[in-house]
């Protein structure tokens, strides 16, 4: 399992970007992957990097289809190999600390 923190936003499209965010979240929702929306980014659980990069490309395409002429993508990836890591296990680890 790979965890990713994803922020995708257009530049030069005004101060309210919610219509773009809604399109990107709809792509993630349709993917069937587990995700959580945060105030500044979305955390996603995907099976591997190939699936993640396909999903990022689809979110990017949704922004472009919505009219974005310039898109910025911030992506942080946690590919932990020593044990299974999920959104819930990471949150639980913080609560135990």
PDB file of N, CA and C in Angstrom:
ATOM      1  N   UNK A   1       0.846  -1.176   0.000  1.00  0.00           N
ATOM      2  CA  UNK A   1       0.000   0.000   0.000  1.00  0.00           C
ATOM      3  C   UNK A   1       0.893   1.241   0.000  1.00  0.00           C
ATOM      4  N   UNK A   2       0.555   2.195  -0.818  1.00  0.00           N
ATOM      5  CA  UNK A   2       1.258   3.475  -0.895  1.00  0.00           C
ATOM      6  C   UNK A   2       0.306   4.559  -0.410  1.00  0.00           C
ATOM      7  N   UNK A   3       0.816   5.439   0.437  1.00  0.00           N
ATOM      8  CA  UNK A   3       0.054   6.601   0.879  1.00  0.00           C
ATOM      9  C   UNK A   3       0.589   7.820   0.159  1.00  0.00           C
ATOM     10  N   UNK A   4      -0.310   8.704  -0.209  1.00  0.00           N
ATOM     11  CA  UNK A   4       0.104   9.928  -0.895  1.00  0.00           C
ATOM     12  C   UNK A   4      -0.683  11.108  -0.358  1.00  0.00           C
ATOM     13  N   UNK A   5      -0.008  12.230  -0.295  1.00  0.00           N
ATOM     14  CA  UNK A   5      -0.647  13.497   0.030  1.00  0.00           C
ATOM     15  C   UNK A   5      -0.612  14.322  -1.250  1.00  0.00           C
ATOM     16  N   UNK A   6      -1.787  14.717  -1.723  1.00  0.00           N
ATOM     17  CA  UNK A   6      -1.907  15.348  -3.032  1.00  0.00           C
ATOM     18  C   UNK A   6      -2.606  16.694  -2.933  1.00  0.00           C
ATOM     19  N   UNK A   7      -1.990  17.701  -3.524  1.00  0.00           N
ATOM     20  CA  UNK A   7      -2.618  19.012  -3.703  1.00  0.00           C
ATOM     21  C   UNK A   7      -2.446  19.392  -5.165  1.00  0.00           C
ATOM     22  N   UNK A   8      -3.553  19.650  -5.838  1.00  0.00           N
ATOM     23  CA  UNK A   8      -3.523  20.048  -7.243  1.00  0.00           C
ATOM     24  C   UNK A   8      -4.346  21.320  -7.351  1.00  0.00           C
ATOM     25  N   UNK A   9      -3.740  22.355  -7.921  1.00  0.00           N
ATOM     26  CA  UNK A   9      -4.485  23.606  -8.041  1.00  0.00           C
ATOM     27  C   UNK A   9      -4.003  24.396  -9.245  1.00  0.00           C
ATOM     28  N   UNK A  10      -4.939  25.098  -9.849  1.00  0.00           N
ATOM     29  CA  UNK A  10      -4.575  25.938 -10.990  1.00  0.00           C
ATOM     30  C   UNK A  10      -4.005  27.267 -10.520  1.00  0.00           C
ATOM     31  N   UNK A  11      -3.198  27.852 -11.342  1.00  0.00           N
ATOM     32  CA  UNK A  11      -2.631  29.178 -11.062  1.00  0.00           C
ATOM     33  C   UNK A  11      -3.276  30.170 -12.022  1.00  0.00           C
ATOM     34  N   UNK A  12      -3.604  31.342 -11.498  1.00  0.00           N
ATOM     35  CA  UNK A  12      -4.152  32.392 -12.342  1.00  0.00           C
ATOM     36  C   UNK A  12      -5.632  32.257 -12.608  1.00  0.00           C
ATOM     37  N   UNK A  13      -6.343  31.511 -11.761  1.00  0.00           N
ATOM     38  CA  UNK A  13      -7.768  31.282 -11.975  1.00  0.00           C
ATOM     39  C   UNK A  13      -8.625  31.999 -10.937  1.00  0.00           C
ATOM     40  N   UNK A  14      -8.067  32.986 -10.252  1.00  0.00           N
ATOM     41  CA  UNK A  14      -8.827  33.736  -9.257  1.00  0.00           C
ATOM     42  C   UNK A  14      -8.579  33.218  -7.856  1.00  0.00           C
ATOM     43  N   UNK A  15      -9.328  33.760  -6.909  1.00  0.00           N
ATOM     44  CA  UNK A  15      -9.110  33.399  -5.510  1.00  0.00           C
ATOM     45  C   UNK A  15      -9.907  32.185  -5.064  1.00  0.00           C
ATOM     46  N   UNK A  16     -11.031  31.898  -5.685  1.00  0.00           N
ATOM     47  CA  UNK A  16     -11.824  30.727  -5.313  1.00  0.00           C
ATOM     48  C   UNK A  16     -11.539  29.594  -6.297  1.00  0.00           C
ATOM     49  N   UNK A  17     -11.011  28.506  -5.762  1.00  0.00           N
ATOM     50  CA  UNK A  17     -10.637  27.371  -6.611  1.00  0.00           C
ATOM     51  C   UNK A  17     -11.520  26.157  -6.378  1.00  0.00           C
ATOM     52  N   UNK A  18     -12.610  26.335  -5.642  1.00  0.00           N
ATOM     53  CA  UNK A  18     -13.432  25.192  -5.246  1.00  0.00           C
ATOM     54  C   UNK A  18     -13.977  24.404  -6.431  1.00  0.00           C
ATOM     55  N   UNK A  19     -14.282  25.066  -7.538  1.00  0.00           N
ATOM     56  CA  UNK A  19     -14.820  24.302  -8.677  1.00  0.00           C
ATOM     57  C   UNK A  19     -13.778  23.334  -9.228  1.00  0.00           C
ATOM     58  N   UNK A  20     -12.510  23.721  -9.171  1.00  0.00           N
ATOM     59  CA  UNK A  20     -11.439  22.837  -9.617  1.00  0.00           C
ATOM     60  C   UNK A  20     -11.236  21.688  -8.617  1.00  0.00           C
ATOM     61  N   UNK A  21     -11.236  22.038  -7.337  1.00  0.00           N
ATOM     62  CA  UNK A  21     -11.055  21.022  -6.297  1.00  0.00           C
ATOM     63  C   UNK A  21     -12.164  19.983  -6.386  1.00  0.00           C
ATOM     64  N   UNK A  22     -13.388  20.420  -6.581  1.00  0.00           N
ATOM     65  CA  UNK A  22     -14.517  19.486  -6.698  1.00  0.00           C
ATOM     66  C   UNK A  22     -14.310  18.512  -7.850  1.00  0.00           C
ATOM     67  N   UNK A  23     -13.807  18.994  -8.967  1.00  0.00           N
ATOM     68  CA  UNK A  23     -13.561  18.111 -10.121  1.00  0.00           C
ATOM     69  C   UNK A  23     -12.484  17.078  -9.792  1.00  0.00           C
ATOM     70  N   UNK A  24     -11.418  17.524  -9.128  1.00  0.00           N
ATOM     71  CA  UNK A  24     -10.350  16.593  -8.756  1.00  0.00           C
ATOM     72  C   UNK A  24     -10.809  15.557  -7.756  1.00  0.00           C
ATOM     73  N   UNK A  25     -11.581  15.996  -6.753  1.00  0.00           N
ATOM     74  CA  UNK A  25     -12.087  15.058  -5.749  1.00  0.00           C
ATOM     75  C   UNK A  25     -13.043  14.057  -6.397  1.00  0.00           C
ATOM     76  N   UNK A  26     -13.821  14.486  -7.368  1.00  0.00           N
ATOM     77  CA  UNK A  26     -14.730  13.567  -8.065  1.00  0.00           C
ATOM     78  C   UNK A  26     -13.945  12.455  -8.758  1.00  0.00           C
ATOM     79  N   UNK A  27     -12.804  12.790  -9.337  1.00  0.00           N
ATOM     80  CA  UNK A  27     -11.945  11.773  -9.970  1.00  0.00           C
ATOM     81  C   UNK A  27     -11.464  10.774  -8.926  1.00  0.00           C
ATOM     82  N   UNK A  28     -11.018  11.277  -7.782  1.00  0.00           N
ATOM     83  CA  UNK A  28     -10.531  10.394  -6.719  1.00  0.00           C
ATOM     84  C   UNK A  28     -11.673   9.523  -6.202  1.00  0.00           C
ATOM     85  N   UNK A  29     -12.839  10.105  -6.016  1.00  0.00           N
ATOM     86  CA  UNK A  29     -14.014   9.353  -5.559  1.00  0.00           C
ATOM     87  C   UNK A  29     -14.330   8.202  -6.512  1.00  0.00           C
ATOM     88  N   UNK A  30     -14.341   8.478  -7.806  1.00  0.00           N
ATOM     89  CA  UNK A  30     -14.640   7.445  -8.811  1.00  0.00           C
ATOM     90  C   UNK A  30     -13.590   6.337  -8.839  1.00  0.00           C
ATOM     91  N   UNK A  31     -12.368   6.653  -8.418  1.00  0.00           N
ATOM     92  CA  UNK A  31     -11.298   5.654  -8.452  1.00  0.00           C
ATOM     93  C   UNK A  31     -11.566   4.492  -7.501  1.00  0.00           C
ATOM     94  N   UNK A  32     -12.333   4.757  -6.451  1.00  0.00           N
ATOM     95  CA  UNK A  32     -12.596   3.720  -5.465  1.00  0.00           C
ATOM     96  C   UNK A  32     -11.530   3.604  -4.390  1.00  0.00           C
ATOM     97  N   UNK A  33     -10.455   4.364  -4.495  1.00  0.00           N
ATOM     98  CA  UNK A  33      -9.410   4.324  -3.481  1.00  0.00           C
ATOM     99  C   UNK A  33      -9.873   5.065  -2.230  1.00  0.00           C
ATOM    100  N   UNK A  34      -9.385   4.613  -1.089  1.00  0.00           N
ATOM    101  CA  UNK A  34      -9.699   5.291   0.162  1.00  0.00           C
ATOM    102  C   UNK A  34      -8.971   6.629   0.164  1.00  0.00           C
ATOM    103  N   UNK A  35      -9.675   7.673   0.642  1.00  0.00           N
ATOM    104  CA  UNK A  35      -9.063   8.998   0.699  1.00  0.00           C
ATOM    105  C   UNK A  35      -9.684   9.814   1.816  1.00  0.00           C
ATOM    106  N   UNK A  36      -8.982  10.853   2.226  1.00  0.00           N
ATOM    107  CA  UNK A  36      -9.476  11.817   3.199  1.00  0.00           C
ATOM    108  C   UNK A  36      -9.107  13.205   2.715  1.00  0.00           C
ATOM    109  N   UNK A  37     -10.089  14.071   2.715  1.00  0.00           N
ATOM    110  CA  UNK A  37      -9.843  15.457   2.330  1.00  0.00           C
ATOM    111  C   UNK A  37      -9.430  16.239   3.564  1.00  0.00           C
ATOM    112  N   UNK A  38      -8.339  16.977   3.453  1.00  0.00           N
ATOM    113  CA  UNK A  38      -7.882  17.858   4.521  1.00  0.00           C
ATOM    114  C   UNK A  38      -8.065  19.301   4.093  1.00  0.00           C
ATOM    115  N   UNK A  39      -7.687  20.201   4.940  1.00  0.00           N
ATOM    116  CA  UNK A  39      -7.842  21.617   4.645  1.00  0.00           C
ATOM    117  C   UNK A  39      -6.961  22.103   3.504  1.00  0.00           C
ATOM    118  N   UNK A  40      -5.825  21.444   3.292  1.00  0.00           N
ATOM    119  CA  UNK A  40      -4.879  21.900   2.274  1.00  0.00           C
ATOM    120  C   UNK A  40      -4.478  20.817   1.281  1.00  0.00           C
ATOM    121  N   UNK A  41      -4.880  19.573   1.550  1.00  0.00           N
ATOM    122  CA  UNK A  41      -4.494  18.481   0.655  1.00  0.00           C
ATOM    123  C   UNK A  41      -5.431  17.300   0.873  1.00  0.00           C
ATOM    124  N   UNK A  42      -5.263  16.296   0.030  1.00  0.00           N
ATOM    125  CA  UNK A  42      -6.034  15.059   0.136  1.00  0.00           C
ATOM    126  C   UNK A  42      -5.053  13.910   0.309  1.00  0.00           C
ATOM    127  N   UNK A  43      -5.343  13.038   1.268  1.00  0.00           N
ATOM    128  CA  UNK A  43      -4.530  11.845   1.487  1.00  0.00           C
ATOM    129  C   UNK A  43      -5.226  10.669   0.818  1.00  0.00           C
ATOM    130  N   UNK A  44      -4.447   9.857   0.109  1.00  0.00           N
ATOM    131  CA  UNK A  44      -5.001   8.761  -0.680  1.00  0.00           C
ATOM    132  C   UNK A  44      -4.195   7.495  -0.411  1.00  0.00           C
ATOM    133  N   UNK A  45      -4.894   6.356  -0.314  1.00  0.00           N
ATOM    134  CA  UNK A  45      -4.263   5.036  -0.251  1.00  0.00           C
ATOM    135  C   UNK A  45      -4.404   4.388  -1.625  1.00  0.00           C
ATOM    136  N   UNK A  46      -3.298   3.987  -2.211  1.00  0.00           N
ATOM    137  CA  UNK A  46      -3.323   3.308  -3.511  1.00  0.00           C
ATOM    138  C   UNK A  46      -2.440   2.061  -3.430  1.00  0.00           C
ATOM    139  N   UNK A  47      -2.669   1.102  -4.306  1.00  0.00           N
ATOM    140  CA  UNK A  47      -1.899  -0.144  -4.219  1.00  0.00           C
ATOM    141  C   UNK A  47      -0.421  -0.008  -4.612  1.00  0.00           C
ATOM    142  N   UNK A  48      -0.116   0.916  -5.529  1.00  0.00           N
ATOM    143  CA  UNK A  48       1.269   1.039  -5.995  1.00  0.00           C
ATOM    144  C   UNK A  48       1.462   2.389  -6.687  1.00  0.00           C
ATOM    145  N   UNK A  49       2.704   2.660  -7.058  1.00  0.00           N
ATOM    146  CA  UNK A  49       3.032   3.945  -7.689  1.00  0.00           C
ATOM    147  C   UNK A  49       2.372   4.114  -9.051  1.00  0.00           C
ATOM    148  N   UNK A  50       2.245   3.030  -9.803  1.00  0.00           N
ATOM    149  CA  UNK A  50       1.586   3.135 -11.107  1.00  0.00           C
ATOM    150  C   UNK A  50       0.161   3.648 -10.947  1.00  0.00           C
ATOM    151  N   UNK A  51      -0.563   3.089  -9.984  1.00  0.00           N
ATOM    152  CA  UNK A  51      -1.939   3.528  -9.735  1.00  0.00           C
ATOM    153  C   UNK A  51      -1.971   4.985  -9.291  1.00  0.00           C
ATOM    154  N   UNK A  52      -1.024   5.370  -8.448  1.00  0.00           N
ATOM    155  CA  UNK A  52      -0.967   6.756  -7.983  1.00  0.00           C
ATOM    156  C   UNK A  52      -0.742   7.715  -9.144  1.00  0.00           C
ATOM    157  N   UNK A  53       0.231   7.426  -9.982  1.00  0.00           N
ATOM    158  CA  UNK A  53       0.543   8.348 -11.078  1.00  0.00           C
ATOM    159  C   UNK A  53      -0.587   8.411 -12.107  1.00  0.00           C
ATOM    160  N   UNK A  54      -1.279   7.295 -12.333  1.00  0.00           N
ATOM    161  CA  UNK A  54      -2.466   7.329 -13.205  1.00  0.00           C
ATOM    162  C   UNK A  54      -3.525   8.255 -12.619  1.00  0.00           C
ATOM    163  N   UNK A  55      -3.743   8.141 -11.306  1.00  0.00           N
ATOM    164  CA  UNK A  55      -4.743   8.961 -10.643  1.00  0.00           C
ATOM    165  C   UNK A  55      -4.358  10.441 -10.682  1.00  0.00           C
ATOM    166  N   UNK A  56      -3.107  10.747 -10.429  1.00  0.00           N
ATOM    167  CA  UNK A  56      -2.646  12.146 -10.487  1.00  0.00           C
ATOM    168  C   UNK A  56      -2.850  12.710 -11.895  1.00  0.00           C
ATOM    169  N   UNK A  57      -2.554  11.919 -12.912  1.00  0.00           N
ATOM    170  CA  UNK A  57      -2.777  12.374 -14.292  1.00  0.00           C
ATOM    171  C   UNK A  57      -4.250  12.645 -14.556  1.00  0.00           C
ATOM    172  N   UNK A  58      -5.130  11.806 -14.013  1.00  0.00           N
ATOM    173  CA  UNK A  58      -6.570  12.002 -14.208  1.00  0.00           C
ATOM    174  C   UNK A  58      -7.065  13.255 -13.484  1.00  0.00           C
ATOM    175  N   UNK A  59      -6.563  13.502 -12.286  1.00  0.00           N
ATOM    176  CA  UNK A  59      -6.934  14.724 -11.560  1.00  0.00           C
ATOM    177  C   UNK A  59      -6.440  15.945 -12.326  1.00  0.00           C
ATOM    178  N   UNK A  60      -5.222  15.885 -12.820  1.00  0.00           N
ATOM    179  CA  UNK A  60      -4.664  16.975 -13.631  1.00  0.00           C
ATOM    180  C   UNK A  60      -5.553  17.231 -14.844  1.00  0.00           C
ATOM    181  N   UNK A  61      -5.944  16.172 -15.532  1.00  0.00           N
ATOM    182  CA  UNK A  61      -6.788  16.302 -16.721  1.00  0.00           C
ATOM    183  C   UNK A  61      -8.134  16.929 -16.383  1.00  0.00           C
ATOM    184  N   UNK A  62      -8.669  16.618 -15.206  1.00  0.00           N
ATOM    185  CA  UNK A  62      -9.946  17.207 -14.789  1.00  0.00           C
ATOM    186  C   UNK A  62      -9.815  18.715 -14.597  1.00  0.00           C
ATOM    187  N   UNK A  63      -8.690  19.159 -14.064  1.00  0.00           N
ATOM    188  CA  UNK A  63      -8.456  20.601 -13.908  1.00  0.00           C
ATOM    189  C   UNK A  63      -8.341  21.283 -15.272  1.00  0.00           C
ATOM    190  N   UNK A  64      -7.639  20.651 -16.182  1.00  0.00           N
ATOM    191  CA  UNK A  64      -7.480  21.212 -17.526  1.00  0.00           C
ATOM    192  C   UNK A  64      -8.843  21.256 -18.228  1.00  0.00           C
ATOM    193  N   UNK A  65      -9.619  20.203 -18.095  1.00  0.00           N
ATOM    194  CA  UNK A  65     -10.950  20.176 -18.713  1.00  0.00           C
ATOM    195  C   UNK A  65     -11.863  21.255 -18.130  1.00  0.00           C
ATOM    196  N   UNK A  66     -11.611  21.635 -16.884  1.00  0.00           N
ATOM    197  CA  UNK A  66     -12.400  22.686 -16.226  1.00  0.00           C
ATOM    198  C   UNK A  66     -11.956  24.078 -16.676  1.00  0.00           C
ATOM    199  N   UNK A  67     -10.860  24.140 -17.440  1.00  0.00           N
ATOM    200  CA  UNK A  67     -10.423  25.413 -17.988  1.00  0.00           C
ATOM    201  C   UNK A  67      -9.101  25.936 -17.476  1.00  0.00           C
ATOM    202  N   UNK A  68      -8.431  25.180 -16.606  1.00  0.00           N
ATOM    203  CA  UNK A  68      -7.137  25.631 -16.082  1.00  0.00           C
ATOM    204  C   UNK A  68      -6.111  25.688 -17.206  1.00  0.00           C
ATOM    205  N   UNK A  69      -5.364  26.766 -17.232  1.00  0.00           N
ATOM    206  CA  UNK A  69      -4.300  26.902 -18.235  1.00  0.00           C
ATOM    207  C   UNK A  69      -2.923  26.645 -17.645  1.00  0.00           C
ATOM    208  N   UNK A  70      -2.854  26.641 -16.314  1.00  0.00           N
ATOM    209  CA  UNK A  70      -1.604  26.323 -15.626  1.00  0.00           C
ATOM    210  C   UNK A  70      -1.969  25.580 -14.346  1.00  0.00           C
ATOM    211  N   UNK A  71      -1.347  24.430 -14.111  1.00  0.00           N
ATOM    212  CA  UNK A  71      -1.683  23.582 -12.968  1.00  0.00           C
ATOM    213  C   UNK A  71      -0.412  23.262 -12.186  1.00  0.00           C
ATOM    214  N   UNK A  72      -0.505  23.392 -10.870  1.00  0.00           N
ATOM    215  CA  UNK A  72       0.592  23.029  -9.980  1.00  0.00           C
ATOM    216  C   UNK A  72       0.186  21.787  -9.195  1.00  0.00           C
ATOM    217  N   UNK A  73       1.110  20.836  -9.077  1.00  0.00           N
ATOM    218  CA  UNK A  73       0.848  19.597  -8.346  1.00  0.00           C
ATOM    219  C   UNK A  73       1.897  19.441  -7.255  1.00  0.00           C
ATOM    220  N   UNK A  74       1.426  19.320  -6.014  1.00  0.00           N
ATOM    221  CA  UNK A  74       2.294  18.973  -4.885  1.00  0.00           C
ATOM    222  C   UNK A  74       1.957  17.543  -4.508  1.00  0.00           C
ATOM    223  N   UNK A  75       2.954  16.667  -4.539  1.00  0.00           N
ATOM    224  CA  UNK A  75       2.735  15.254  -4.255  1.00  0.00           C
ATOM    225  C   UNK A  75       3.793  14.773  -3.275  1.00  0.00           C
ATOM    226  N   UNK A  76       3.328  14.185  -2.193  1.00  0.00           N
ATOM    227  CA  UNK A  76       4.215  13.587  -1.206  1.00  0.00           C
ATOM    228  C   UNK A  76       3.836  12.112  -1.124  1.00  0.00           C
ATOM    229  N   UNK A  77       4.821  11.224  -1.203  1.00  0.00           N
ATOM    230  CA  UNK A  77       4.561   9.789  -1.271  1.00  0.00           C
ATOM    231  C   UNK A  77       5.247   9.078  -0.108  1.00  0.00           C
ATOM    232  N   UNK A  78       4.516   8.167   0.543  1.00  0.00           N
ATOM    233  CA  UNK A  78       5.062   7.309   1.591  1.00  0.00           C
ATOM    234  C   UNK A  78       4.891   5.869   1.125  1.00  0.00           C
ATOM    235  N   UNK A  79       5.972   5.287   0.629  1.00  0.00           N
ATOM    236  CA  UNK A  79       5.971   3.907   0.132  1.00  0.00           C
ATOM    237  C   UNK A  79       6.703   3.049   1.157  1.00  0.00           C
ATOM    238  N   UNK A  80       6.018   2.706   2.210  1.00  0.00           N
ATOM    239  CA  UNK A  80       6.632   1.963   3.310  1.00  0.00           C
ATOM    240  C   UNK A  80       6.657   0.476   2.983  1.00  0.00           C
ATOM    241  N   UNK A  81       7.829  -0.140   3.058  1.00  0.00           N
ATOM    242  CA  UNK A  81       7.990  -1.534   2.667  1.00  0.00           C
ATOM    243  C   UNK A  81       8.112  -2.489   3.851  1.00  0.00           C
ATOM    244  N   UNK A  82       8.371  -1.972   5.064  1.00  0.00           N
ATOM    245  CA  UNK A  82       8.600  -2.870   6.189  1.00  0.00           C
ATOM    246  C   UNK A  82       7.317  -3.322   6.872  1.00  0.00           C
ATOM    247  N   UNK A  83       6.213  -2.580   6.684  1.00  0.00           N
ATOM    248  CA  UNK A  83       4.924  -3.003   7.233  1.00  0.00           C
ATOM    249  C   UNK A  83       3.812  -2.257   6.516  1.00  0.00           C
ATOM    250  N   UNK A  84       2.613  -2.788   6.638  1.00  0.00           N
ATOM    251  CA  UNK A  84       1.446  -2.160   6.010  1.00  0.00           C
ATOM    252  C   UNK A  84       1.161  -0.818   6.677  1.00  0.00           C
ATOM    253  N   UNK A  85       1.028   0.209   5.873  1.00  0.00           N
ATOM    254  CA  UNK A  85       0.699   1.541   6.384  1.00  0.00           C
ATOM    255  C   UNK A  85      -0.564   2.026   5.683  1.00  0.00           C
ATOM    256  N   UNK A  86      -1.500   2.495   6.477  1.00  0.00           N
ATOM    257  CA  UNK A  86      -2.742   3.031   5.944  1.00  0.00           C
ATOM    258  C   UNK A  86      -2.985   4.399   6.568  1.00  0.00           C
ATOM    259  N   UNK A  87      -3.979   5.088   6.070  1.00  0.00           N
ATOM    260  CA  UNK A  87      -4.337   6.368   6.665  1.00  0.00           C
ATOM    261  C   UNK A  87      -4.656   6.161   8.143  1.00  0.00           C
ATOM    262  N   UNK A  88      -5.440   5.144   8.449  1.00  0.00           N
ATOM    263  CA  UNK A  88      -5.849   4.883   9.834  1.00  0.00           C
ATOM    264  C   UNK A  88      -4.670   4.490  10.717  1.00  0.00           C
ATOM    265  N   UNK A  89      -3.769   3.673  10.201  1.00  0.00           N
ATOM    266  CA  UNK A  89      -2.634   3.258  11.033  1.00  0.00           C
ATOM    267  C   UNK A  89      -1.709   4.425  11.338  1.00  0.00           C
ATOM    268  N   UNK A  90      -1.567   5.354  10.405  1.00  0.00           N
ATOM    269  CA  UNK A  90      -0.727   6.532  10.654  1.00  0.00           C
ATOM    270  C   UNK A  90      -1.374   7.431  11.705  1.00  0.00           C
ATOM    271  N   UNK A  91      -2.689   7.615  11.621  1.00  0.00           N
ATOM    272  CA  UNK A  91      -3.385   8.437  12.613  1.00  0.00           C
ATOM    273  C   UNK A  91      -3.333   7.771  13.993  1.00  0.00           C
ATOM    274  N   UNK A  92      -3.494   6.462  14.036  1.00  0.00           N
ATOM    275  CA  UNK A  92      -3.450   5.739  15.305  1.00  0.00           C
ATOM    276  C   UNK A  92      -2.062   5.833  15.955  1.00  0.00           C
ATOM    277  N   UNK A  93      -1.013   5.786  15.143  1.00  0.00           N
ATOM    278  CA  UNK A  93       0.346   5.874  15.671  1.00  0.00           C
ATOM    279  C   UNK A  93       0.577   7.227  16.350  1.00  0.00           C
ATOM    280  N   UNK A  94       0.005   8.276  15.799  1.00  0.00           N
ATOM    281  CA  UNK A  94       0.158   9.607  16.401  1.00  0.00           C
ATOM    282  C   UNK A  94      -0.586   9.665  17.742  1.00  0.00           C
ATOM    283  N   UNK A  95      -1.756   9.055  17.784  1.00  0.00           N
ATOM    284  CA  UNK A  95      -2.535   9.056  19.022  1.00  0.00           C
ATOM    285  C   UNK A  95      -1.860   8.277  20.130  1.00  0.00           C
ATOM    286  N   UNK A  96      -1.101   7.215  19.769  1.00  0.00           N
ATOM    287  CA  UNK A  96      -0.400   6.399  20.772  1.00  0.00           C
ATOM    288  C   UNK A  96       0.828   7.103  21.320  1.00  0.00           C
ATOM    289  N   UNK A  97       1.421   7.968  20.521  1.00  0.00           N
ATOM    290  CA  UNK A  97       2.688   8.610  20.908  1.00  0.00           C
ATOM    291  C   UNK A  97       2.533   9.559  22.081  1.00  0.00           C
TER     292      UNK A  97
END
